[in-house]
Amino acid sequence: MSHHHLSLYEREQLALLRVKGVSFREIGRQLNRSHSTLSWEYGNKAKYGREYVPCKAQEKAEKVAVDQRTKAPLKNHEVFLYVREKLRDEHWSPEIIAGRLPIDHPGQSIHFETIYRYVHNAKKTGRKRLWRFLTNHHHRRRKKHGRSVKVARYLRATPLVQRPVEANDRKIVGHWETDNLGGKISDKTTISATIERKSRYTILRKLKNKSSIRKIHSIKSGVEQFPVEMRKTLAIDNGPENAKHRLLKGAFKDGVYSCQPYHSWEKGAVENTFKKSRYFIPKGTSLDSVSVHKVQLIEDWLNHTPKKCLGYKTPYEIMKQELELLKQQGGAFQVRM
């Protein structure tokens, strides 16, 4: 008895003999097939009283065979669903997804380049356009380090090279960076970001105007919720919003420092934070139209998204650990995070 799939000829004979009233057992004997195979074939391809059409039954069978031999995207179904959920719903980057996957699903792994290739493969993703969920929304893959860095103007303040060396390797908590998110030139409002270098903990504030006084007030109100031991230094650029930076020296016990000319990457934490924020506030968007509530949602997302540099922990988790450690060392304070 044959164990191969039914051929078009066999399906035609099945249809012809059934019309003549021949039983499945008799057809099976004539075709050297199991009567149960023929019965299932006829019932599956002619449901709800429909006519059994051999050519259509053959097309359906061939399509099923092709689908069964098609490799599941992204290694397996479990990994595929995890990647799609974190990319589309949580807005995680492929690198974060690849790093967090073994933690959430032990035994599973995937390289972030595999995710990037899948996202940018139009043949596999079809109309999903998953590139829309990437940080920069690039529908085509770009070369690494292919774009130049914006240059910051120099601010006459204590140069960053004089900042305590301990701030450079990000091993000590308490060193901060700040900057304003760029919007349209005509915008009256802006968004201030202040980031702690070690934990990457982010404080976002919607400012009613771009004045230096408003900027200074937002920084102080944000960082003074933390104990003085966690407020050591602040790195700023030479923008006019930082003109009154001397008013911040009391908030940071080791002083305020400015980046060197053509060294905007010296406050890389805040620059990277703005890059991630562009998913929610694309370039060219008027910040006047961005609500305070949306800014708070972005801040929460930034602080509760795992980061590779933190061992795939979140900034909130790292900052909480630092506060608990400081408390065990004898600190008396109360923090709202």
C-alpha atoms as a PDB file:
ATOM      1  CA  MET A   1       0.000   0.000   0.000  1.00  0.00           C
ATOM      2  CA  SER A   2       1.381   3.417  -0.992  1.00  0.00           C
ATOM      3  CA  HIS A   3       2.386   5.900   1.714  1.00  0.00           C
ATOM      4  CA  HIS A   4       2.989   8.892  -0.556  1.00  0.00           C
ATOM      5  CA  HIS A   5       0.713  11.918  -0.865  1.00  0.00           C
ATOM      6  CA  LEU A   6      -2.227  11.558  -3.204  1.00  0.00           C
ATOM      7  CA  SER A   7      -1.502  12.546  -6.792  1.00  0.00           C
ATOM      8  CA  LEU A   8      -3.772  14.546  -9.076  1.00  0.00           C
ATOM      9  CA  TYR A   9      -4.642  11.346 -10.974  1.00  0.00           C
ATOM     10  CA  GLU A  10      -5.698   9.593  -7.762  1.00  0.00           C
ATOM     11  CA  ARG A  11      -7.829  12.582  -6.759  1.00  0.00           C
ATOM     12  CA  GLU A  12      -9.506  12.556 -10.180  1.00  0.00           C
ATOM     13  CA  GLN A  13     -10.245   8.812  -9.827  1.00  0.00           C
ATOM     14  CA  LEU A  14     -11.600   9.414  -6.310  1.00  0.00           C
ATOM     15  CA  ALA A  15     -13.983  12.094  -7.562  1.00  0.00           C
ATOM     16  CA  LEU A  16     -15.096   9.989 -10.554  1.00  0.00           C
ATOM     17  CA  LEU A  17     -15.737   6.791  -8.580  1.00  0.00           C
ATOM     18  CA  ARG A  18     -17.572   8.624  -5.774  1.00  0.00           C
ATOM     19  CA  VAL A  19     -19.937  10.128  -8.327  1.00  0.00           C
ATOM     20  CA  LYS A  20     -20.666   6.532  -9.472  1.00  0.00           C
ATOM     21  CA  GLY A  21     -21.442   5.568  -5.859  1.00  0.00           C
ATOM     22  CA  VAL A  22     -18.371   3.401  -5.261  1.00  0.00           C
ATOM     23  CA  SER A  23     -17.458   3.031  -1.578  1.00  0.00           C
ATOM     24  CA  PHE A  24     -14.190   4.324  -0.092  1.00  0.00           C
ATOM     25  CA  ARG A  25     -13.070   0.768   0.687  1.00  0.00           C
ATOM     26  CA  GLU A  26     -13.523  -0.324  -2.935  1.00  0.00           C
ATOM     27  CA  ILE A  27     -11.782   2.818  -4.245  1.00  0.00           C
ATOM     28  CA  GLY A  28      -8.942   2.123  -1.813  1.00  0.00           C
ATOM     29  CA  ARG A  29      -8.511  -1.392  -3.192  1.00  0.00           C
ATOM     30  CA  GLN A  30      -8.429  -0.075  -6.766  1.00  0.00           C
ATOM     31  CA  LEU A  31      -5.922   2.693  -5.996  1.00  0.00           C
ATOM     32  CA  ASN A  32      -3.934   0.689  -3.441  1.00  0.00           C
ATOM     33  CA  ARG A  33      -4.746   3.276  -0.805  1.00  0.00           C
ATOM     34  CA  SER A  34      -6.135   3.147   2.716  1.00  0.00           C
ATOM     35  CA  HIS A  35      -9.883   3.790   2.726  1.00  0.00           C
ATOM     36  CA  SER A  36      -9.431   6.101   5.769  1.00  0.00           C
ATOM     37  CA  THR A  37      -6.991   8.282   3.784  1.00  0.00           C
ATOM     38  CA  LEU A  38      -9.492   8.616   0.966  1.00  0.00           C
ATOM     39  CA  SER A  39     -12.345   9.290   3.355  1.00  0.00           C
ATOM     40  CA  TRP A  40     -10.369  12.043   5.133  1.00  0.00           C
ATOM     41  CA  GLU A  41      -9.280  13.561   1.821  1.00  0.00           C
ATOM     42  CA  TYR A  42     -12.826  13.703   0.510  1.00  0.00           C
ATOM     43  CA  GLY A  43     -14.307  15.064   3.705  1.00  0.00           C
ATOM     44  CA  ASN A  44     -11.574  17.655   4.250  1.00  0.00           C
ATOM     45  CA  LYS A  45     -11.635  19.042   0.713  1.00  0.00           C
ATOM     46  CA  ALA A  46     -15.437  18.958   0.298  1.00  0.00           C
ATOM     47  CA  LYS A  47     -16.739  20.381   3.574  1.00  0.00           C
ATOM     48  CA  TYR A  48     -20.255  21.573   4.221  1.00  0.00           C
ATOM     49  CA  GLY A  49     -21.750  19.707   1.292  1.00  0.00           C
ATOM     50  CA  ARG A  50     -19.511  21.314  -1.307  1.00  0.00           C
ATOM     51  CA  GLU A  51     -18.481  19.481  -4.444  1.00  0.00           C
ATOM     52  CA  TYR A  52     -15.115  17.728  -4.405  1.00  0.00           C
ATOM     53  CA  VAL A  53     -12.977  19.305  -7.156  1.00  0.00           C
ATOM     54  CA  PRO A  54      -9.729  17.353  -7.792  1.00  0.00           C
ATOM     55  CA  CYS A  55      -7.682  20.276  -9.206  1.00  0.00           C
ATOM     56  CA  LYS A  56      -8.564  22.570  -6.292  1.00  0.00           C
ATOM     57  CA  ALA A  57      -7.863  19.796  -3.800  1.00  0.00           C
ATOM     58  CA  GLN A  58      -4.423  19.328  -5.422  1.00  0.00           C
ATOM     59  CA  GLU A  59      -3.650  23.075  -5.216  1.00  0.00           C
ATOM     60  CA  LYS A  60      -4.607  23.175  -1.550  1.00  0.00           C
ATOM     61  CA  ALA A  61      -2.456  20.131  -0.772  1.00  0.00           C
ATOM     62  CA  GLU A  62       0.564  21.651  -2.549  1.00  0.00           C
ATOM     63  CA  LYS A  63       0.172  24.929  -0.645  1.00  0.00           C
ATOM     64  CA  VAL A  64       0.069  23.095   2.689  1.00  0.00           C
ATOM     65  CA  ALA A  65       3.200  21.160   1.733  1.00  0.00           C
ATOM     66  CA  VAL A  66       5.071  24.373   0.904  1.00  0.00           C
ATOM     67  CA  ASP A  67       3.981  26.039   4.161  1.00  0.00           C
ATOM     68  CA  GLN A  68       5.121  23.023   6.160  1.00  0.00           C
ATOM     69  CA  ARG A  69       8.572  23.202   4.585  1.00  0.00           C
ATOM     70  CA  THR A  70       8.970  26.936   5.152  1.00  0.00           C
ATOM     71  CA  LYS A  71      11.324  27.735   8.034  1.00  0.00           C
ATOM     72  CA  ALA A  72       9.733  29.639  10.898  1.00  0.00           C
ATOM     73  CA  PRO A  73      10.965  33.259  11.057  1.00  0.00           C
ATOM     74  CA  LEU A  74      13.464  34.085  13.791  1.00  0.00           C
ATOM     75  CA  LYS A  75      14.402  30.494  14.708  1.00  0.00           C
ATOM     76  CA  ASN A  76      11.083  29.363  16.217  1.00  0.00           C
ATOM     77  CA  HIS A  77       7.577  30.519  17.017  1.00  0.00           C
ATOM     78  CA  GLU A  78       8.336  31.368  20.649  1.00  0.00           C
ATOM     79  CA  VAL A  79      11.257  33.630  19.739  1.00  0.00           C
ATOM     80  CA  PHE A  80       9.281  35.195  16.896  1.00  0.00           C
ATOM     81  CA  LEU A  81       6.387  36.154  19.177  1.00  0.00           C
ATOM     82  CA  TYR A  82       8.780  37.514  21.827  1.00  0.00           C
ATOM     83  CA  VAL A  83      10.674  39.658  19.302  1.00  0.00           C
ATOM     84  CA  ARG A  84       7.496  40.980  17.716  1.00  0.00           C
ATOM     85  CA  GLU A  85       5.954  41.880  21.081  1.00  0.00           C
ATOM     86  CA  LYS A  86       9.018  43.683  22.447  1.00  0.00           C
ATOM     87  CA  LEU A  87       9.707  45.482  19.180  1.00  0.00           C
ATOM     88  CA  ARG A  88       6.156  46.512  18.353  1.00  0.00           C
ATOM     89  CA  ASP A  89       4.577  46.963  21.796  1.00  0.00           C
ATOM     90  CA  GLU A  90       7.504  47.760  24.121  1.00  0.00           C
ATOM     91  CA  HIS A  91       9.616  49.630  21.526  1.00  0.00           C
ATOM     92  CA  TRP A  92      12.797  47.803  22.557  1.00  0.00           C
ATOM     93  CA  SER A  93      15.792  47.863  20.218  1.00  0.00           C
ATOM     94  CA  PRO A  94      16.898  44.577  18.573  1.00  0.00           C
ATOM     95  CA  GLU A  95      20.049  44.575  20.724  1.00  0.00           C
ATOM     96  CA  ILE A  96      18.034  44.886  23.936  1.00  0.00           C
ATOM     97  CA  ILE A  97      15.637  42.165  22.774  1.00  0.00           C
ATOM     98  CA  ALA A  98      18.504  39.801  21.952  1.00  0.00           C
ATOM     99  CA  GLY A  99      20.127  40.439  25.315  1.00  0.00           C
ATOM    100  CA  ARG A 100      16.972  40.078  27.381  1.00  0.00           C
ATOM    101  CA  LEU A 101      15.633  36.964  25.609  1.00  0.00           C
ATOM    102  CA  PRO A 102      17.836  34.439  27.491  1.00  0.00           C
ATOM    103  CA  ILE A 103      16.739  36.023  30.775  1.00  0.00           C
ATOM    104  CA  ASP A 104      13.013  35.852  30.086  1.00  0.00           C
ATOM    105  CA  HIS A 105      13.195  32.536  28.190  1.00  0.00           C
ATOM    106  CA  PRO A 106      16.164  30.448  29.377  1.00  0.00           C
ATOM    107  CA  GLY A 107      17.583  28.271  26.639  1.00  0.00           C
ATOM    108  CA  GLN A 108      16.487  30.610  23.849  1.00  0.00           C
ATOM    109  CA  SER A 109      18.859  32.986  22.058  1.00  0.00           C
ATOM    110  CA  ILE A 110      19.086  35.128  18.951  1.00  0.00           C
ATOM    111  CA  HIS A 111      21.595  37.621  17.571  1.00  0.00           C
ATOM    112  CA  PHE A 112      20.455  41.222  17.176  1.00  0.00           C
ATOM    113  CA  GLU A 113      21.761  41.252  13.588  1.00  0.00           C
ATOM    114  CA  THR A 114      19.290  38.470  12.802  1.00  0.00           C
ATOM    115  CA  ILE A 115      16.472  40.679  14.048  1.00  0.00           C
ATOM    116  CA  TYR A 116      17.714  43.634  12.007  1.00  0.00           C
ATOM    117  CA  ARG A 117      17.912  41.501   8.857  1.00  0.00           C
ATOM    118  CA  TYR A 118      14.396  40.231   9.409  1.00  0.00           C
ATOM    119  CA  VAL A 119      13.003  43.725  10.069  1.00  0.00           C
ATOM    120  CA  HIS A 120      14.531  45.095   6.873  1.00  0.00           C
ATOM    121  CA  ASN A 121      13.570  42.071   4.739  1.00  0.00           C
ATOM    122  CA  ALA A 122      10.432  43.195   2.913  1.00  0.00           C
ATOM    123  CA  LYS A 123       9.857  39.719   1.442  1.00  0.00           C
ATOM    124  CA  LYS A 124       9.533  38.172   4.903  1.00  0.00           C
ATOM    125  CA  THR A 125       7.764  40.967   6.758  1.00  0.00           C
ATOM    126  CA  GLY A 126       5.430  41.936   3.921  1.00  0.00           C
ATOM    127  CA  ARG A 127       3.214  44.862   4.801  1.00  0.00           C
ATOM    128  CA  LYS A 128       4.078  44.820   8.503  1.00  0.00           C
ATOM    129  CA  ARG A 129       6.796  47.471   7.958  1.00  0.00           C
ATOM    130  CA  LEU A 130       8.464  46.581  11.243  1.00  0.00           C
ATOM    131  CA  TRP A 131      11.188  49.184  10.593  1.00  0.00           C
ATOM    132  CA  ARG A 132       8.661  51.761  11.857  1.00  0.00           C
ATOM    133  CA  PHE A 133       9.244  50.417  15.371  1.00  0.00           C
ATOM    134  CA  LEU A 134      13.017  50.979  15.280  1.00  0.00           C
ATOM    135  CA  THR A 135      14.436  53.994  17.098  1.00  0.00           C
ATOM    136  CA  ASN A 136      15.215  56.014  13.953  1.00  0.00           C
ATOM    137  CA  HIS A 137      12.513  54.521  11.681  1.00  0.00           C
ATOM    138  CA  HIS A 138      15.010  53.734   8.900  1.00  0.00           C
ATOM    139  CA  HIS A 139      13.328  51.549   6.299  1.00  0.00           C
ATOM    140  CA  ARG A 140      16.744  50.646   4.872  1.00  0.00           C
ATOM    141  CA  ARG A 141      19.773  49.397   6.762  1.00  0.00           C
ATOM    142  CA  ARG A 142      22.442  52.055   7.195  1.00  0.00           C
ATOM    143  CA  LYS A 143      26.180  51.728   7.645  1.00  0.00           C
ATOM    144  CA  LYS A 144      27.491  51.793  11.203  1.00  0.00           C
ATOM    145  CA  HIS A 145      29.135  55.124  12.143  1.00  0.00           C
ATOM    146  CA  GLY A 146      27.922  56.517   8.848  1.00  0.00           C
ATOM    147  CA  ARG A 147      26.674  59.841  10.190  1.00  0.00           C
ATOM    148  CA  SER A 148      28.577  62.739  11.712  1.00  0.00           C
ATOM    149  CA  VAL A 149      28.060  63.997  15.248  1.00  0.00           C
ATOM    150  CA  LYS A 150      26.518  67.414  15.828  1.00  0.00           C
ATOM    151  CA  VAL A 151      28.919  69.995  17.225  1.00  0.00           C
ATOM    152  CA  ALA A 152      28.176  71.799  20.470  1.00  0.00           C
ATOM    153  CA  ARG A 153      29.194  75.392  21.135  1.00  0.00           C
ATOM    154  CA  TYR A 154      31.631  76.156  23.920  1.00  0.00           C
ATOM    155  CA  LEU A 155      30.418  77.462  27.276  1.00  0.00           C
ATOM    156  CA  ARG A 156      32.871  79.450  29.417  1.00  0.00           C
ATOM    157  CA  ALA A 157      32.706  77.320  32.517  1.00  0.00           C
ATOM    158  CA  THR A 158      34.921  74.770  34.253  1.00  0.00           C
ATOM    159  CA  PRO A 159      36.114  72.415  31.481  1.00  0.00           C
ATOM    160  CA  LEU A 160      34.921  68.847  31.720  1.00  0.00           C
ATOM    161  CA  VAL A 161      38.516  67.590  31.736  1.00  0.00           C
ATOM    162  CA  GLN A 162      38.758  68.901  35.310  1.00  0.00           C
ATOM    163  CA  ARG A 163      35.823  66.818  36.501  1.00  0.00           C
ATOM    164  CA  PRO A 164      36.732  64.072  39.008  1.00  0.00           C
ATOM    165  CA  VAL A 165      38.179  61.059  37.205  1.00  0.00           C
ATOM    166  CA  GLU A 166      35.711  58.733  38.957  1.00  0.00           C
ATOM    167  CA  ALA A 167      32.932  60.087  36.744  1.00  0.00           C
ATOM    168  CA  ASN A 168      34.522  58.817  33.542  1.00  0.00           C
ATOM    169  CA  ASP A 169      34.112  55.055  33.997  1.00  0.00           C
ATOM    170  CA  ARG A 170      30.517  55.268  35.302  1.00  0.00           C
ATOM    171  CA  LYS A 171      31.270  53.070  38.312  1.00  0.00           C
ATOM    172  CA  ILE A 172      30.282  55.679  40.895  1.00  0.00           C
ATOM    173  CA  VAL A 173      26.719  56.977  41.134  1.00  0.00           C
ATOM    174  CA  GLY A 174      26.075  60.711  41.411  1.00  0.00           C
ATOM    175  CA  HIS A 175      27.434  62.176  38.170  1.00  0.00           C
ATOM    176  CA  TRP A 176      24.774  63.714  35.922  1.00  0.00           C
ATOM    177  CA  GLU A 177      24.356  65.134  32.416  1.00  0.00           C
ATOM    178  CA  THR A 178      21.731  67.505  31.062  1.00  0.00           C
ATOM    179  CA  ASP A 179      20.547  69.015  27.788  1.00  0.00           C
ATOM    180  CA  ASN A 180      17.400  70.193  26.013  1.00  0.00           C
ATOM    181  CA  LEU A 181      15.658  68.201  23.296  1.00  0.00           C
ATOM    182  CA  GLY A 182      15.600  70.004  19.974  1.00  0.00           C
ATOM    183  CA  GLY A 183      12.276  70.807  18.328  1.00  0.00           C
ATOM    184  CA  LYS A 184      11.193  73.451  15.839  1.00  0.00           C
ATOM    185  CA  ILE A 185      12.943  76.826  15.905  1.00  0.00           C
ATOM    186  CA  SER A 186       9.571  78.508  16.386  1.00  0.00           C
ATOM    187  CA  ASP A 187       8.767  76.460  19.510  1.00  0.00           C
ATOM    188  CA  LYS A 188       8.249  78.408  22.707  1.00  0.00           C
ATOM    189  CA  THR A 189       8.510  75.334  24.919  1.00  0.00           C
ATOM    190  CA  THR A 190      11.177  72.660  25.214  1.00  0.00           C
ATOM    191  CA  ILE A 191      11.942  69.411  27.035  1.00  0.00           C
ATOM    192  CA  SER A 192      14.801  69.159  29.522  1.00  0.00           C
ATOM    193  CA  ALA A 193      16.548  65.842  30.180  1.00  0.00           C
ATOM    194  CA  THR A 194      18.838  65.128  33.132  1.00  0.00           C
ATOM    195  CA  ILE A 195      20.492  61.694  33.246  1.00  0.00           C
ATOM    196  CA  GLU A 196      22.573  59.982  35.914  1.00  0.00           C
ATOM    197  CA  ARG A 197      25.634  58.482  34.202  1.00  0.00           C
ATOM    198  CA  LYS A 198      25.977  55.144  36.007  1.00  0.00           C
ATOM    199  CA  SER A 199      22.328  54.064  36.238  1.00  0.00           C
ATOM    200  CA  ARG A 200      21.124  55.990  33.138  1.00  0.00           C
ATOM    201  CA  TYR A 201      18.185  57.096  35.285  1.00  0.00           C
ATOM    202  CA  THR A 202      16.359  59.845  33.386  1.00  0.00           C
ATOM    203  CA  ILE A 203      14.437  62.921  34.532  1.00  0.00           C
ATOM    204  CA  LEU A 204      12.363  64.613  31.821  1.00  0.00           C
ATOM    205  CA  ARG A 205      10.621  67.942  32.309  1.00  0.00           C
ATOM    206  CA  LYS A 206       8.427  69.953  29.933  1.00  0.00           C
ATOM    207  CA  LEU A 207       9.545  73.605  30.178  1.00  0.00           C
ATOM    208  CA  LYS A 208       7.174  76.490  29.462  1.00  0.00           C
ATOM    209  CA  ASN A 209       9.980  78.477  27.841  1.00  0.00           C
ATOM    210  CA  LYS A 210      13.659  78.191  26.945  1.00  0.00           C
ATOM    211  CA  SER A 211      14.975  80.621  29.540  1.00  0.00           C
ATOM    212  CA  SER A 212      17.967  79.718  31.656  1.00  0.00           C
ATOM    213  CA  ILE A 213      16.049  80.301  34.899  1.00  0.00           C
ATOM    214  CA  ARG A 214      13.373  77.801  33.870  1.00  0.00           C
ATOM    215  CA  LYS A 215      16.063  75.273  32.913  1.00  0.00           C
ATOM    216  CA  ILE A 216      17.932  75.678  36.214  1.00  0.00           C
ATOM    217  CA  HIS A 217      14.714  75.291  38.214  1.00  0.00           C
ATOM    218  CA  SER A 218      13.786  72.073  36.391  1.00  0.00           C
ATOM    219  CA  ILE A 219      17.206  70.548  37.048  1.00  0.00           C
ATOM    220  CA  LYS A 220      17.187  71.440  40.741  1.00  0.00           C
ATOM    221  CA  SER A 221      13.635  70.183  41.311  1.00  0.00           C
ATOM    222  CA  GLY A 222      14.512  66.924  39.592  1.00  0.00           C
ATOM    223  CA  VAL A 223      17.800  66.029  41.260  1.00  0.00           C
ATOM    224  CA  GLU A 224      17.165  67.411  44.751  1.00  0.00           C
ATOM    225  CA  GLN A 225      14.774  64.537  45.400  1.00  0.00           C
ATOM    226  CA  PHE A 226      17.939  62.434  45.729  1.00  0.00           C
ATOM    227  CA  PRO A 227      20.354  62.622  48.685  1.00  0.00           C
ATOM    228  CA  VAL A 228      23.400  64.879  48.343  1.00  0.00           C
ATOM    229  CA  GLU A 229      25.646  61.786  48.122  1.00  0.00           C
ATOM    230  CA  MET A 230      24.023  61.082  44.759  1.00  0.00           C
ATOM    231  CA  ARG A 231      24.491  64.661  43.481  1.00  0.00           C
ATOM    232  CA  LYS A 232      28.199  65.099  42.803  1.00  0.00           C
ATOM    233  CA  THR A 233      28.710  66.667  39.362  1.00  0.00           C
ATOM    234  CA  LEU A 234      26.708  67.901  36.372  1.00  0.00           C
ATOM    235  CA  ALA A 235      27.885  68.060  32.745  1.00  0.00           C
ATOM    236  CA  ILE A 236      26.330  70.709  30.497  1.00  0.00           C
ATOM    237  CA  ASP A 237      26.911  72.181  27.039  1.00  0.00           C
ATOM    238  CA  ASN A 238      27.349  75.801  25.980  1.00  0.00           C
ATOM    239  CA  GLY A 239      23.721  76.527  25.098  1.00  0.00           C
ATOM    240  CA  PRO A 240      22.034  79.733  26.284  1.00  0.00           C
ATOM    241  CA  GLU A 241      19.754  77.686  28.527  1.00  0.00           C
ATOM    242  CA  ASN A 242      22.808  77.021  30.709  1.00  0.00           C
ATOM    243  CA  ALA A 243      23.896  80.651  30.987  1.00  0.00           C
ATOM    244  CA  LYS A 244      23.074  80.734  34.716  1.00  0.00           C
ATOM    245  CA  HIS A 245      24.794  77.441  35.500  1.00  0.00           C
ATOM    246  CA  ARG A 246      26.480  78.955  38.558  1.00  0.00           C
ATOM    247  CA  LEU A 247      23.129  78.771  40.349  1.00  0.00           C
ATOM    248  CA  LEU A 248      23.416  74.974  40.212  1.00  0.00           C
ATOM    249  CA  LYS A 249      26.661  74.641  42.129  1.00  0.00           C
ATOM    250  CA  GLY A 250      24.791  74.323  45.413  1.00  0.00           C
ATOM    251  CA  ALA A 251      22.821  71.384  44.041  1.00  0.00           C
ATOM    252  CA  PHE A 252      25.975  69.472  43.048  1.00  0.00           C
ATOM    253  CA  LYS A 253      28.628  69.277  45.731  1.00  0.00           C
ATOM    254  CA  ASP A 254      31.547  68.751  43.318  1.00  0.00           C
ATOM    255  CA  GLY A 255      30.501  71.397  40.797  1.00  0.00           C
ATOM    256  CA  VAL A 256      29.158  71.925  37.284  1.00  0.00           C
ATOM    257  CA  TYR A 257      31.313  71.246  34.217  1.00  0.00           C
ATOM    258  CA  SER A 258      30.961  72.021  30.522  1.00  0.00           C
ATOM    259  CA  CYS A 259      31.894  69.859  27.563  1.00  0.00           C
ATOM    260  CA  GLN A 260      34.901  70.799  25.491  1.00  0.00           C
ATOM    261  CA  PRO A 261      34.352  72.285  22.019  1.00  0.00           C
ATOM    262  CA  TYR A 262      33.602  69.593  19.408  1.00  0.00           C
ATOM    263  CA  HIS A 263      33.166  66.986  22.172  1.00  0.00           C
ATOM    264  CA  SER A 264      29.394  66.620  22.471  1.00  0.00           C
ATOM    265  CA  TRP A 265      29.859  62.883  23.031  1.00  0.00           C
ATOM    266  CA  GLU A 266      31.278  63.693  26.466  1.00  0.00           C
ATOM    267  CA  LYS A 267      27.671  63.743  27.624  1.00  0.00           C
ATOM    268  CA  GLY A 268      26.807  60.629  25.645  1.00  0.00           C
ATOM    269  CA  ALA A 269      24.147  59.413  28.088  1.00  0.00           C
ATOM    270  CA  VAL A 270      21.835  62.344  27.408  1.00  0.00           C
ATOM    271  CA  GLU A 271      22.551  62.232  23.656  1.00  0.00           C
ATOM    272  CA  ASN A 272      21.626  58.534  23.568  1.00  0.00           C
ATOM    273  CA  THR A 273      18.492  59.225  25.598  1.00  0.00           C
ATOM    274  CA  PHE A 274      17.365  61.801  23.053  1.00  0.00           C
ATOM    275  CA  LYS A 275      18.000  59.280  20.289  1.00  0.00           C
ATOM    276  CA  LYS A 276      15.637  56.824  21.968  1.00  0.00           C
ATOM    277  CA  SER A 277      13.083  59.560  22.654  1.00  0.00           C
ATOM    278  CA  ARG A 278      12.847  60.245  18.927  1.00  0.00           C
ATOM    279  CA  TYR A 279      10.640  57.183  18.584  1.00  0.00           C
ATOM    280  CA  PHE A 280       7.923  59.077  20.432  1.00  0.00           C
ATOM    281  CA  ILE A 281       8.897  62.580  19.307  1.00  0.00           C
ATOM    282  CA  PRO A 282      10.306  62.381  15.734  1.00  0.00           C
ATOM    283  CA  LYS A 283      12.569  65.131  14.446  1.00  0.00           C
ATOM    284  CA  GLY A 284      10.618  68.079  13.152  1.00  0.00           C
ATOM    285  CA  THR A 285       7.828  67.651  15.697  1.00  0.00           C
ATOM    286  CA  SER A 286       6.761  70.822  17.465  1.00  0.00           C
ATOM    287  CA  LEU A 287       7.421  70.405  21.185  1.00  0.00           C
ATOM    288  CA  ASP A 288       4.590  72.859  21.871  1.00  0.00           C
ATOM    289  CA  SER A 289       2.182  70.067  20.900  1.00  0.00           C
ATOM    290  CA  VAL A 290       3.751  67.513  23.272  1.00  0.00           C
ATOM    291  CA  SER A 291       1.808  67.246  26.537  1.00  0.00           C
ATOM    292  CA  VAL A 292       3.264  66.976  30.026  1.00  0.00           C
ATOM    293  CA  HIS A 293       1.548  63.590  30.348  1.00  0.00           C
ATOM    294  CA  LYS A 294       3.309  62.260  27.245  1.00  0.00           C
ATOM    295  CA  VAL A 295       6.668  63.474  28.561  1.00  0.00           C
ATOM    296  CA  GLN A 296       6.007  61.570  31.795  1.00  0.00           C
ATOM    297  CA  LEU A 297       5.137  58.418  29.834  1.00  0.00           C
ATOM    298  CA  ILE A 298       8.394  58.692  27.879  1.00  0.00           C
ATOM    299  CA  GLU A 299      10.342  59.113  31.116  1.00  0.00           C
ATOM    300  CA  ASP A 300       8.690  56.008  32.585  1.00  0.00           C
ATOM    301  CA  TRP A 301       9.485  54.005  29.448  1.00  0.00           C
ATOM    302  CA  LEU A 302      13.142  55.081  29.493  1.00  0.00           C
ATOM    303  CA  ASN A 303      13.550  54.196  33.160  1.00  0.00           C
ATOM    304  CA  HIS A 304      11.839  50.798  32.880  1.00  0.00           C
ATOM    305  CA  THR A 305      13.439  49.534  29.665  1.00  0.00           C
ATOM    306  CA  PRO A 306      16.351  47.056  30.083  1.00  0.00           C
ATOM    307  CA  LYS A 307      19.736  48.196  28.784  1.00  0.00           C
ATOM    308  CA  LYS A 308      22.645  46.098  27.580  1.00  0.00           C
ATOM    309  CA  CYS A 309      25.168  48.316  29.394  1.00  0.00           C
ATOM    310  CA  LEU A 310      23.317  47.591  32.661  1.00  0.00           C
ATOM    311  CA  GLY A 311      23.386  43.831  32.238  1.00  0.00           C
ATOM    312  CA  TYR A 312      19.851  44.022  30.819  1.00  0.00           C
ATOM    313  CA  LYS A 313      18.522  45.596  33.988  1.00  0.00           C
ATOM    314  CA  THR A 314      16.506  48.811  33.954  1.00  0.00           C
ATOM    315  CA  PRO A 315      17.738  52.259  35.114  1.00  0.00           C
ATOM    316  CA  TYR A 316      15.026  52.178  37.773  1.00  0.00           C
ATOM    317  CA  GLU A 317      16.340  48.877  39.144  1.00  0.00           C
ATOM    318  CA  ILE A 318      19.947  50.146  39.259  1.00  0.00           C
ATOM    319  CA  MET A 319      18.995  53.427  40.939  1.00  0.00           C
ATOM    320  CA  LYS A 320      16.878  51.572  43.482  1.00  0.00           C
ATOM    321  CA  GLN A 321      19.840  49.310  44.290  1.00  0.00           C
ATOM    322  CA  GLU A 322      22.098  52.335  44.785  1.00  0.00           C
ATOM    323  CA  LEU A 323      19.583  53.975  47.108  1.00  0.00           C
ATOM    324  CA  GLU A 324      19.237  50.797  49.167  1.00  0.00           C
ATOM    325  CA  LEU A 325      23.009  50.501  49.433  1.00  0.00           C
ATOM    326  CA  LEU A 326      23.325  54.114  50.555  1.00  0.00           C
ATOM    327  CA  LYS A 327      20.574  53.594  53.091  1.00  0.00           C
ATOM    328  CA  GLN A 328      22.389  50.578  54.549  1.00  0.00           C
ATOM    329  CA  GLN A 329      25.461  52.752  54.955  1.00  0.00           C
ATOM    330  CA  GLY A 330      23.566  55.070  57.265  1.00  0.00           C
ATOM    331  CA  GLY A 331      21.815  57.559  55.005  1.00  0.00           C
ATOM    332  CA  ALA A 332      18.480  59.009  56.171  1.00  0.00           C
ATOM    333  CA  PHE A 333      16.306  60.217  53.300  1.00  0.00           C
ATOM    334  CA  GLN A 334      13.104  59.672  51.349  1.00  0.00           C
ATOM    335  CA  VAL A 335      13.045  59.538  47.558  1.00  0.00           C
ATOM    336  CA  ARG A 336      10.120  59.604  45.138  1.00  0.00           C
ATOM    337  CA  MET A 337      10.946  57.764  41.914  1.00  0.00           C
END
